[in-house]
Amino acid sequence: MNKLLKNKYKKCFDWPKPYSWMVKDLIGGMYYEKGRPQGSYLVALGLICYTEIIGREILSFNNPNVKKESLNKKKCFNTFLGSYMSYNKILEDFPDIYESFRHGLCHQYSIRGPETGVFVFYEPSSINDFKKMGVDTTKGLLLHKQNIKKVFVIEPYLENFINGIEKFLKEKKEI
């Protein structure tokens, strides 16, 4: 595990399981290059799958009488992504995020759509086109209504993901 990443995300290692394990898994597949944390396709896939899993934990926590396996997977994904990672605006504008990103990465080895990409390594200048269109580039899902491009960027998504877990654990009074 990269020392810089280990130090950056040290607080997460004290979280209860499985959340601490998830963060360790993710940063274990990352490295630093040109002063920025970078990942791999496997890290991107893990982030997307863990988003659904944590959403299921949230819905189960809020509805203890409902069996986890009966919860709608898209609702689980959207709950964590929207309410905890603060992607509500993106979900409103692009209700097919689950199908495009989660199903695409898991089942097709790419985001569904004509022009897509997973930025496992990026420099902030590489997303300038999205900035010029007014897209919130602090999020790891870059989309625009007048543009067919869909991009997943690991670094900001990981930050939003960790903040979302922290928010949920505070609600549960576990940190």
N, C-alpha and C. Protein backbone atom coordinates (compact mmCIF):
# COMPACT_ATOMS: atom_id res chain seq x y z
N MET A 1 0.85 -1.18 0.00
CA MET A 1 0.00 0.00 0.00
C MET A 1 0.90 1.24 0.00
N ASN A 2 0.58 2.17 -0.84
CA ASN A 2 1.33 3.40 -0.97
C ASN A 2 1.26 4.20 0.34
N LYS A 3 2.44 4.66 0.84
CA LYS A 3 2.50 5.40 2.11
C LYS A 3 1.69 6.68 2.08
N LEU A 4 1.75 7.42 0.97
CA LEU A 4 1.01 8.67 0.88
C LEU A 4 -0.49 8.44 0.99
N LEU A 5 -0.98 7.41 0.30
CA LEU A 5 -2.41 7.09 0.36
C LEU A 5 -2.78 6.58 1.74
N LYS A 6 -1.92 5.76 2.31
CA LYS A 6 -2.18 5.22 3.65
C LYS A 6 -2.31 6.36 4.66
N ASN A 7 -1.44 7.35 4.57
CA ASN A 7 -1.51 8.50 5.48
C ASN A 7 -2.74 9.36 5.20
N LYS A 8 -3.04 9.57 3.92
CA LYS A 8 -4.18 10.41 3.55
C LYS A 8 -5.50 9.84 4.08
N TYR A 9 -5.65 8.52 4.04
CA TYR A 9 -6.91 7.89 4.41
C TYR A 9 -6.84 7.13 5.74
N LYS A 10 -5.86 7.47 6.56
CA LYS A 10 -5.63 6.79 7.83
C LYS A 10 -6.87 6.73 8.72
N LYS A 11 -7.64 7.82 8.74
CA LYS A 11 -8.84 7.88 9.60
C LYS A 11 -9.82 6.75 9.27
N CYS A 12 -9.83 6.34 8.03
CA CYS A 12 -10.79 5.31 7.58
C CYS A 12 -10.45 3.92 8.12
N PHE A 13 -9.19 3.72 8.48
CA PHE A 13 -8.77 2.39 8.93
C PHE A 13 -9.36 2.03 10.30
N ASP A 14 -9.81 3.05 11.03
CA ASP A 14 -10.41 2.81 12.34
C ASP A 14 -11.93 2.64 12.26
N TRP A 15 -12.49 2.81 11.09
CA TRP A 15 -13.93 2.64 10.93
C TRP A 15 -14.30 1.18 11.15
N PRO A 16 -15.57 0.93 11.50
CA PRO A 16 -16.00 -0.46 11.65
C PRO A 16 -15.95 -1.21 10.32
N LYS A 17 -15.85 -2.52 10.42
CA LYS A 17 -15.90 -3.36 9.22
C LYS A 17 -17.34 -3.43 8.76
N PRO A 18 -17.63 -3.46 7.51
CA PRO A 18 -16.78 -3.67 6.34
C PRO A 18 -16.23 -2.39 5.74
N TYR A 19 -16.57 -1.22 6.32
CA TYR A 19 -16.21 0.05 5.70
C TYR A 19 -14.70 0.26 5.66
N SER A 20 -14.02 -0.06 6.75
CA SER A 20 -12.56 0.07 6.76
C SER A 20 -11.94 -0.87 5.73
N TRP A 21 -12.49 -2.06 5.60
CA TRP A 21 -11.98 -3.02 4.60
C TRP A 21 -12.16 -2.48 3.19
N MET A 22 -13.31 -1.87 2.93
CA MET A 22 -13.57 -1.34 1.59
C MET A 22 -12.53 -0.29 1.21
N VAL A 23 -12.27 0.63 2.12
CA VAL A 23 -11.30 1.69 1.83
C VAL A 23 -9.91 1.09 1.64
N LYS A 24 -9.54 0.15 2.48
CA LYS A 24 -8.24 -0.51 2.33
C LYS A 24 -8.14 -1.23 0.98
N ASP A 25 -9.20 -1.92 0.59
CA ASP A 25 -9.22 -2.58 -0.72
C ASP A 25 -8.98 -1.58 -1.84
N LEU A 26 -9.71 -0.48 -1.79
CA LEU A 26 -9.64 0.52 -2.85
C LEU A 26 -8.27 1.17 -2.93
N ILE A 27 -7.75 1.65 -1.81
CA ILE A 27 -6.46 2.34 -1.88
C ILE A 27 -5.31 1.36 -2.09
N GLY A 28 -5.54 0.09 -1.79
CA GLY A 28 -4.52 -0.93 -2.08
C GLY A 28 -4.27 -1.07 -3.57
N GLY A 29 -5.24 -0.69 -4.38
CA GLY A 29 -5.09 -0.75 -5.84
C GLY A 29 -4.72 0.58 -6.45
N MET A 30 -4.29 1.52 -5.61
CA MET A 30 -3.97 2.86 -6.11
C MET A 30 -2.49 3.17 -5.89
N TYR A 31 -2.04 4.21 -6.55
CA TYR A 31 -0.65 4.64 -6.48
C TYR A 31 -0.60 6.14 -6.74
N TYR A 32 0.54 6.73 -6.53
CA TYR A 32 0.74 8.16 -6.82
C TYR A 32 1.58 8.30 -8.08
N GLU A 33 1.15 9.20 -8.92
CA GLU A 33 1.93 9.54 -10.10
C GLU A 33 1.73 11.03 -10.36
N LYS A 34 2.81 11.72 -10.62
CA LYS A 34 2.78 13.16 -10.85
C LYS A 34 2.06 13.90 -9.73
N GLY A 35 2.26 13.41 -8.50
CA GLY A 35 1.70 14.08 -7.33
C GLY A 35 0.22 13.87 -7.08
N ARG A 36 -0.41 12.96 -7.83
CA ARG A 36 -1.86 12.75 -7.69
C ARG A 36 -2.15 11.26 -7.48
N PRO A 37 -3.16 10.95 -6.66
CA PRO A 37 -3.53 9.54 -6.52
C PRO A 37 -4.17 9.03 -7.81
N GLN A 38 -3.78 7.85 -8.20
CA GLN A 38 -4.29 7.23 -9.43
C GLN A 38 -4.80 5.84 -9.09
N GLY A 39 -5.65 5.31 -9.92
CA GLY A 39 -6.21 4.00 -9.65
C GLY A 39 -6.16 3.11 -10.87
N SER A 40 -6.97 2.09 -10.84
CA SER A 40 -7.05 1.13 -11.93
C SER A 40 -8.53 0.90 -12.25
N TYR A 41 -8.76 0.18 -13.30
CA TYR A 41 -10.14 -0.17 -13.64
C TYR A 41 -10.78 -0.93 -12.49
N LEU A 42 -10.02 -1.79 -11.84
CA LEU A 42 -10.55 -2.57 -10.73
C LEU A 42 -10.98 -1.66 -9.57
N VAL A 43 -10.25 -0.59 -9.34
CA VAL A 43 -10.63 0.38 -8.31
C VAL A 43 -11.94 1.06 -8.70
N ALA A 44 -12.06 1.44 -9.97
CA ALA A 44 -13.30 2.06 -10.45
C ALA A 44 -14.48 1.11 -10.26
N LEU A 45 -14.30 -0.13 -10.64
CA LEU A 45 -15.35 -1.14 -10.48
C LEU A 45 -15.71 -1.33 -9.01
N GLY A 46 -14.69 -1.38 -8.16
CA GLY A 46 -14.93 -1.51 -6.72
C GLY A 46 -15.73 -0.35 -6.16
N LEU A 47 -15.38 0.86 -6.56
CA LEU A 47 -16.12 2.04 -6.10
C LEU A 47 -17.58 1.98 -6.50
N ILE A 48 -17.84 1.60 -7.74
CA ILE A 48 -19.22 1.53 -8.22
C ILE A 48 -19.99 0.43 -7.49
N CYS A 49 -19.39 -0.73 -7.33
CA CYS A 49 -20.08 -1.83 -6.64
C CYS A 49 -20.29 -1.53 -5.16
N TYR A 50 -19.27 -0.96 -4.52
CA TYR A 50 -19.40 -0.60 -3.11
C TYR A 50 -20.46 0.48 -2.90
N THR A 51 -20.66 1.33 -3.88
CA THR A 51 -21.72 2.35 -3.78
C THR A 51 -23.07 1.68 -3.60
N GLU A 52 -23.33 0.65 -4.37
CA GLU A 52 -24.58 -0.10 -4.23
C GLU A 52 -24.65 -0.82 -2.89
N ILE A 53 -23.55 -1.44 -2.48
CA ILE A 53 -23.52 -2.21 -1.23
C ILE A 53 -23.78 -1.30 -0.02
N ILE A 54 -23.14 -0.14 0.01
CA ILE A 54 -23.34 0.77 1.14
C ILE A 54 -24.76 1.32 1.12
N GLY A 55 -25.29 1.59 -0.06
CA GLY A 55 -26.69 2.01 -0.16
C GLY A 55 -27.63 0.97 0.43
N ARG A 56 -27.32 -0.31 0.21
CA ARG A 56 -28.12 -1.39 0.78
C ARG A 56 -28.01 -1.37 2.31
N GLU A 57 -26.81 -1.10 2.82
CA GLU A 57 -26.63 -1.02 4.27
C GLU A 57 -27.45 0.14 4.85
N ILE A 58 -27.47 1.25 4.15
CA ILE A 58 -28.22 2.43 4.60
C ILE A 58 -29.71 2.13 4.63
N LEU A 59 -30.24 1.58 3.53
CA LEU A 59 -31.67 1.27 3.47
C LEU A 59 -32.05 0.22 4.49
N SER A 60 -31.17 -0.74 4.71
CA SER A 60 -31.42 -1.78 5.72
C SER A 60 -31.42 -1.18 7.12
N PHE A 61 -30.49 -0.27 7.38
CA PHE A 61 -30.42 0.40 8.67
C PHE A 61 -31.69 1.21 8.92
N ASN A 62 -32.16 1.90 7.88
CA ASN A 62 -33.36 2.73 8.02
C ASN A 62 -34.67 1.95 7.99
N ASN A 63 -34.62 0.70 7.52
CA ASN A 63 -35.79 -0.17 7.42
C ASN A 63 -35.43 -1.56 7.96
N PRO A 64 -35.24 -1.69 9.27
CA PRO A 64 -34.72 -2.94 9.84
C PRO A 64 -35.63 -4.16 9.63
N ASN A 65 -36.89 -3.95 9.34
CA ASN A 65 -37.79 -5.08 9.15
C ASN A 65 -37.80 -5.61 7.71
N VAL A 66 -37.06 -4.96 6.83
CA VAL A 66 -37.00 -5.37 5.43
C VAL A 66 -35.72 -6.17 5.21
N LYS A 67 -35.84 -7.33 4.56
CA LYS A 67 -34.66 -8.15 4.28
C LYS A 67 -33.78 -7.46 3.24
N LYS A 68 -32.47 -7.48 3.49
CA LYS A 68 -31.53 -6.82 2.59
C LYS A 68 -31.67 -7.31 1.15
N GLU A 69 -31.83 -8.60 0.99
CA GLU A 69 -31.88 -9.17 -0.37
C GLU A 69 -33.13 -8.76 -1.14
N SER A 70 -34.13 -8.22 -0.45
CA SER A 70 -35.35 -7.79 -1.14
C SER A 70 -35.29 -6.32 -1.58
N LEU A 71 -34.25 -5.62 -1.18
CA LEU A 71 -34.13 -4.20 -1.53
C LEU A 71 -33.77 -4.04 -3.01
N ASN A 72 -34.33 -3.04 -3.64
CA ASN A 72 -34.06 -2.74 -5.04
C ASN A 72 -32.62 -2.23 -5.19
N LYS A 73 -31.85 -2.90 -6.04
CA LYS A 73 -30.43 -2.57 -6.18
C LYS A 73 -30.19 -1.15 -6.69
N LYS A 74 -30.99 -0.70 -7.64
CA LYS A 74 -30.83 0.65 -8.16
C LYS A 74 -31.15 1.67 -7.07
N LYS A 75 -32.17 1.40 -6.27
CA LYS A 75 -32.52 2.31 -5.18
C LYS A 75 -31.39 2.35 -4.16
N CYS A 76 -30.77 1.21 -3.90
CA CYS A 76 -29.62 1.17 -2.98
C CYS A 76 -28.50 2.06 -3.50
N PHE A 77 -28.15 1.86 -4.76
CA PHE A 77 -27.09 2.64 -5.41
C PHE A 77 -27.41 4.13 -5.36
N ASN A 78 -28.61 4.48 -5.79
CA ASN A 78 -29.01 5.89 -5.85
C ASN A 78 -29.09 6.54 -4.48
N THR A 79 -29.46 5.77 -3.45
CA THR A 79 -29.55 6.31 -2.10
C THR A 79 -28.18 6.78 -1.62
N PHE A 80 -27.20 5.92 -1.74
CA PHE A 80 -25.86 6.32 -1.28
C PHE A 80 -25.28 7.41 -2.18
N LEU A 81 -25.40 7.24 -3.48
CA LEU A 81 -24.84 8.21 -4.42
C LEU A 81 -25.49 9.59 -4.24
N GLY A 82 -26.80 9.62 -4.13
CA GLY A 82 -27.50 10.90 -4.04
C GLY A 82 -27.46 11.54 -2.67
N SER A 83 -27.91 10.81 -1.67
CA SER A 83 -28.09 11.40 -0.34
C SER A 83 -26.81 11.47 0.50
N TYR A 84 -25.85 10.62 0.22
CA TYR A 84 -24.65 10.58 1.05
C TYR A 84 -23.41 11.09 0.33
N MET A 85 -23.34 10.88 -0.97
CA MET A 85 -22.21 11.37 -1.75
C MET A 85 -22.52 12.71 -2.43
N SER A 86 -23.75 13.20 -2.26
CA SER A 86 -24.19 14.50 -2.78
C SER A 86 -24.23 14.57 -4.30
N TYR A 87 -24.73 13.53 -4.96
CA TYR A 87 -24.89 13.49 -6.41
C TYR A 87 -26.36 13.64 -6.81
N ASN A 88 -27.20 14.23 -5.95
CA ASN A 88 -28.63 14.34 -6.25
C ASN A 88 -28.90 15.06 -7.57
N LYS A 89 -28.21 16.16 -7.82
CA LYS A 89 -28.43 16.92 -9.05
C LYS A 89 -28.09 16.06 -10.28
N ILE A 90 -27.00 15.32 -10.21
CA ILE A 90 -26.62 14.45 -11.32
C ILE A 90 -27.67 13.37 -11.53
N LEU A 91 -28.17 12.79 -10.45
CA LEU A 91 -29.21 11.75 -10.56
C LEU A 91 -30.50 12.31 -11.14
N GLU A 92 -30.83 13.56 -10.79
CA GLU A 92 -32.03 14.19 -11.36
C GLU A 92 -31.88 14.37 -12.87
N ASP A 93 -30.71 14.81 -13.29
CA ASP A 93 -30.47 15.08 -14.71
C ASP A 93 -30.20 13.81 -15.51
N PHE A 94 -29.66 12.79 -14.86
CA PHE A 94 -29.29 11.54 -15.54
C PHE A 94 -29.78 10.34 -14.73
N PRO A 95 -31.07 10.03 -14.81
CA PRO A 95 -31.62 8.94 -13.99
C PRO A 95 -31.11 7.56 -14.38
N ASP A 96 -30.37 7.44 -15.48
CA ASP A 96 -29.86 6.14 -15.90
C ASP A 96 -28.41 5.88 -15.46
N ILE A 97 -27.94 6.61 -14.47
CA ILE A 97 -26.56 6.44 -13.98
C ILE A 97 -26.30 4.98 -13.62
N TYR A 98 -27.22 4.35 -12.91
CA TYR A 98 -27.03 2.97 -12.47
C TYR A 98 -26.80 2.05 -13.67
N GLU A 99 -27.64 2.19 -14.66
CA GLU A 99 -27.52 1.33 -15.84
C GLU A 99 -26.25 1.66 -16.63
N SER A 100 -25.98 2.94 -16.82
CA SER A 100 -24.81 3.34 -17.62
C SER A 100 -23.49 2.99 -16.95
N PHE A 101 -23.36 3.38 -15.70
CA PHE A 101 -22.08 3.21 -15.03
C PHE A 101 -21.96 1.86 -14.34
N ARG A 102 -22.88 1.51 -13.48
CA ARG A 102 -22.76 0.28 -12.72
C ARG A 102 -22.86 -0.94 -13.64
N HIS A 103 -23.94 -1.04 -14.42
CA HIS A 103 -24.09 -2.19 -15.32
C HIS A 103 -23.02 -2.20 -16.39
N GLY A 104 -22.71 -1.03 -16.91
CA GLY A 104 -21.69 -0.96 -17.95
C GLY A 104 -20.34 -1.46 -17.45
N LEU A 105 -19.88 -0.93 -16.32
CA LEU A 105 -18.58 -1.34 -15.79
C LEU A 105 -18.57 -2.81 -15.38
N CYS A 106 -19.65 -3.28 -14.79
CA CYS A 106 -19.70 -4.67 -14.32
C CYS A 106 -19.89 -5.69 -15.44
N HIS A 107 -20.68 -5.35 -16.43
CA HIS A 107 -21.07 -6.36 -17.42
C HIS A 107 -20.48 -6.17 -18.81
N GLN A 108 -19.99 -4.96 -19.11
CA GLN A 108 -19.47 -4.69 -20.45
C GLN A 108 -18.02 -4.23 -20.44
N TYR A 109 -17.45 -4.05 -19.29
CA TYR A 109 -16.09 -3.56 -19.14
C TYR A 109 -15.93 -2.13 -19.65
N SER A 110 -17.02 -1.40 -19.69
CA SER A 110 -16.97 0.01 -20.06
C SER A 110 -18.29 0.66 -19.66
N ILE A 111 -18.28 1.95 -19.55
CA ILE A 111 -19.50 2.70 -19.27
C ILE A 111 -20.36 2.61 -20.52
N ARG A 112 -21.65 2.40 -20.35
CA ARG A 112 -22.54 2.31 -21.51
C ARG A 112 -22.71 3.68 -22.16
N GLY A 113 -22.56 3.70 -23.47
CA GLY A 113 -22.72 4.94 -24.22
C GLY A 113 -21.68 5.03 -25.32
N PRO A 114 -21.90 5.95 -26.27
CA PRO A 114 -21.00 6.03 -27.42
C PRO A 114 -19.61 6.59 -27.12
N GLU A 115 -19.50 7.56 -26.23
CA GLU A 115 -18.20 8.14 -25.90
C GLU A 115 -18.04 8.14 -24.39
N THR A 116 -17.33 7.13 -23.88
CA THR A 116 -17.20 6.98 -22.44
C THR A 116 -15.74 6.72 -22.08
N GLY A 117 -15.44 6.86 -20.80
CA GLY A 117 -14.09 6.57 -20.35
C GLY A 117 -14.00 6.50 -18.85
N VAL A 118 -13.01 5.75 -18.40
CA VAL A 118 -12.68 5.68 -16.98
C VAL A 118 -11.31 6.31 -16.85
N PHE A 119 -11.24 7.44 -16.15
CA PHE A 119 -9.95 8.11 -15.95
C PHE A 119 -9.30 7.50 -14.72
N VAL A 120 -8.44 6.52 -14.94
CA VAL A 120 -7.69 5.92 -13.84
C VAL A 120 -6.50 6.80 -13.49
N PHE A 121 -6.01 7.53 -14.48
CA PHE A 121 -4.96 8.52 -14.27
C PHE A 121 -5.42 9.77 -14.98
N TYR A 122 -5.42 10.87 -14.29
CA TYR A 122 -5.81 12.10 -14.96
C TYR A 122 -5.13 13.27 -14.31
N GLU A 123 -5.00 14.29 -15.07
CA GLU A 123 -4.54 15.57 -14.57
C GLU A 123 -5.74 16.50 -14.68
N PRO A 124 -5.90 17.42 -13.75
CA PRO A 124 -7.07 18.30 -13.78
C PRO A 124 -7.33 18.94 -15.15
N SER A 125 -6.28 19.23 -15.90
CA SER A 125 -6.47 19.86 -17.22
C SER A 125 -7.21 18.94 -18.20
N SER A 126 -7.18 17.63 -17.95
CA SER A 126 -7.83 16.69 -18.87
C SER A 126 -9.35 16.76 -18.81
N ILE A 127 -9.90 17.45 -17.84
CA ILE A 127 -11.35 17.57 -17.74
C ILE A 127 -11.84 18.99 -18.03
N ASN A 128 -10.97 19.78 -18.65
CA ASN A 128 -11.32 21.17 -18.96
C ASN A 128 -12.57 21.30 -19.82
N ASP A 129 -12.77 20.37 -20.76
CA ASP A 129 -13.97 20.44 -21.61
C ASP A 129 -15.23 20.41 -20.76
N PHE A 130 -15.23 19.57 -19.73
CA PHE A 130 -16.40 19.50 -18.85
C PHE A 130 -16.53 20.78 -18.03
N LYS A 131 -15.42 21.33 -17.56
CA LYS A 131 -15.46 22.59 -16.80
C LYS A 131 -16.07 23.70 -17.64
N LYS A 132 -15.66 23.77 -18.91
CA LYS A 132 -16.17 24.81 -19.81
C LYS A 132 -17.68 24.69 -20.01
N MET A 133 -18.23 23.47 -19.88
CA MET A 133 -19.66 23.25 -20.04
C MET A 133 -20.42 23.48 -18.74
N GLY A 134 -19.69 23.82 -17.65
CA GLY A 134 -20.34 24.08 -16.37
C GLY A 134 -20.59 22.84 -15.54
N VAL A 135 -19.93 21.73 -15.88
CA VAL A 135 -20.10 20.48 -15.13
C VAL A 135 -19.33 20.58 -13.82
N ASP A 136 -19.92 20.09 -12.74
CA ASP A 136 -19.28 20.07 -11.43
C ASP A 136 -18.17 19.01 -11.45
N THR A 137 -16.94 19.45 -11.59
CA THR A 137 -15.81 18.51 -11.69
C THR A 137 -15.26 18.10 -10.33
N THR A 138 -15.97 18.48 -9.25
CA THR A 138 -15.60 17.95 -7.94
C THR A 138 -16.24 16.58 -7.74
N LYS A 139 -17.06 16.18 -8.66
CA LYS A 139 -17.71 14.86 -8.64
C LYS A 139 -16.95 13.92 -9.57
N GLY A 140 -17.06 12.65 -9.31
CA GLY A 140 -16.35 11.66 -10.13
C GLY A 140 -17.13 11.17 -11.32
N LEU A 141 -18.37 11.61 -11.49
CA LEU A 141 -19.16 11.28 -12.67
C LEU A 141 -19.33 12.55 -13.47
N LEU A 142 -18.75 12.57 -14.65
CA LEU A 142 -18.80 13.76 -15.49
C LEU A 142 -19.74 13.51 -16.65
N LEU A 143 -20.82 14.30 -16.69
CA LEU A 143 -21.84 14.17 -17.73
C LEU A 143 -22.40 15.55 -18.03
N HIS A 144 -22.92 15.72 -19.24
CA HIS A 144 -23.56 16.97 -19.63
C HIS A 144 -24.69 16.65 -20.59
N LYS A 145 -25.83 17.31 -20.44
CA LYS A 145 -27.01 17.02 -21.26
C LYS A 145 -26.77 17.20 -22.75
N GLN A 146 -25.96 18.19 -23.14
CA GLN A 146 -25.73 18.43 -24.56
C GLN A 146 -24.50 17.69 -25.09
N ASN A 147 -23.96 16.78 -24.31
CA ASN A 147 -22.75 16.08 -24.71
C ASN A 147 -22.96 14.59 -24.45
N ILE A 148 -22.56 13.75 -25.37
CA ILE A 148 -22.78 12.31 -25.20
C ILE A 148 -21.68 11.65 -24.37
N LYS A 149 -20.66 12.40 -23.99
CA LYS A 149 -19.56 11.82 -23.22
C LYS A 149 -20.01 11.52 -21.79
N LYS A 150 -19.54 10.38 -21.29
CA LYS A 150 -19.74 10.00 -19.88
C LYS A 150 -18.37 9.54 -19.37
N VAL A 151 -17.93 10.15 -18.28
CA VAL A 151 -16.60 9.84 -17.77
C VAL A 151 -16.68 9.59 -16.27
N PHE A 152 -15.94 8.58 -15.83
CA PHE A 152 -15.79 8.25 -14.41
C PHE A 152 -14.37 8.63 -14.02
N VAL A 153 -14.23 9.47 -12.98
CA VAL A 153 -12.91 9.91 -12.53
C VAL A 153 -12.71 9.42 -11.10
N ILE A 154 -11.72 8.57 -10.92
CA ILE A 154 -11.53 7.88 -9.64
C ILE A 154 -11.27 8.83 -8.47
N GLU A 155 -10.35 9.76 -8.61
CA GLU A 155 -9.94 10.57 -7.46
C GLU A 155 -11.09 11.34 -6.81
N PRO A 156 -11.85 12.14 -7.53
CA PRO A 156 -12.95 12.84 -6.85
C PRO A 156 -14.06 11.90 -6.39
N TYR A 157 -14.30 10.81 -7.13
CA TYR A 157 -15.34 9.87 -6.71
C TYR A 157 -14.94 9.23 -5.37
N LEU A 158 -13.68 8.86 -5.24
CA LEU A 158 -13.21 8.27 -3.98
C LEU A 158 -13.40 9.25 -2.83
N GLU A 159 -13.08 10.51 -3.04
CA GLU A 159 -13.27 11.51 -1.98
C GLU A 159 -14.74 11.62 -1.59
N ASN A 160 -15.62 11.69 -2.58
CA ASN A 160 -17.07 11.77 -2.31
C ASN A 160 -17.55 10.50 -1.61
N PHE A 161 -17.03 9.35 -2.02
CA PHE A 161 -17.37 8.04 -1.45
C PHE A 161 -17.00 8.01 0.04
N ILE A 162 -15.78 8.41 0.36
CA ILE A 162 -15.33 8.40 1.75
C ILE A 162 -16.15 9.37 2.59
N ASN A 163 -16.44 10.54 2.05
CA ASN A 163 -17.29 11.50 2.78
C ASN A 163 -18.68 10.93 3.00
N GLY A 164 -19.19 10.18 2.04
CA GLY A 164 -20.51 9.56 2.18
C GLY A 164 -20.53 8.49 3.26
N ILE A 165 -19.49 7.67 3.31
CA ILE A 165 -19.40 6.65 4.37
C ILE A 165 -19.34 7.34 5.72
N GLU A 166 -18.52 8.36 5.81
CA GLU A 166 -18.38 9.08 7.08
C GLU A 166 -19.72 9.65 7.54
N LYS A 167 -20.47 10.21 6.62
CA LYS A 167 -21.80 10.75 6.95
C LYS A 167 -22.71 9.65 7.50
N PHE A 168 -22.71 8.49 6.84
CA PHE A 168 -23.56 7.38 7.28
C PHE A 168 -23.11 6.86 8.66
N LEU A 169 -21.82 6.70 8.85
CA LEU A 169 -21.33 6.20 10.14
C LEU A 169 -21.63 7.17 11.28
N LYS A 170 -21.63 8.46 11.00
CA LYS A 170 -22.01 9.45 12.02
C LYS A 170 -23.49 9.33 12.36
N GLU A 171 -24.32 9.08 11.33
CA GLU A 171 -25.76 8.86 11.57
C GLU A 171 -25.98 7.64 12.46
N LYS A 172 -25.19 6.61 12.21
CA LYS A 172 -25.30 5.38 13.00
C LYS A 172 -24.62 5.52 14.36
N LYS A 173 -23.94 6.65 14.55
CA LYS A 173 -23.17 6.91 15.78
C LYS A 173 -22.07 5.87 15.99
N GLU A 174 -21.42 5.49 14.87
CA GLU A 174 -20.32 4.53 14.93
C GLU A 174 -18.96 5.19 14.82
N ILE A 175 -18.94 6.50 14.57
CA ILE A 175 -17.67 7.24 14.62
C ILE A 175 -17.95 8.60 15.25
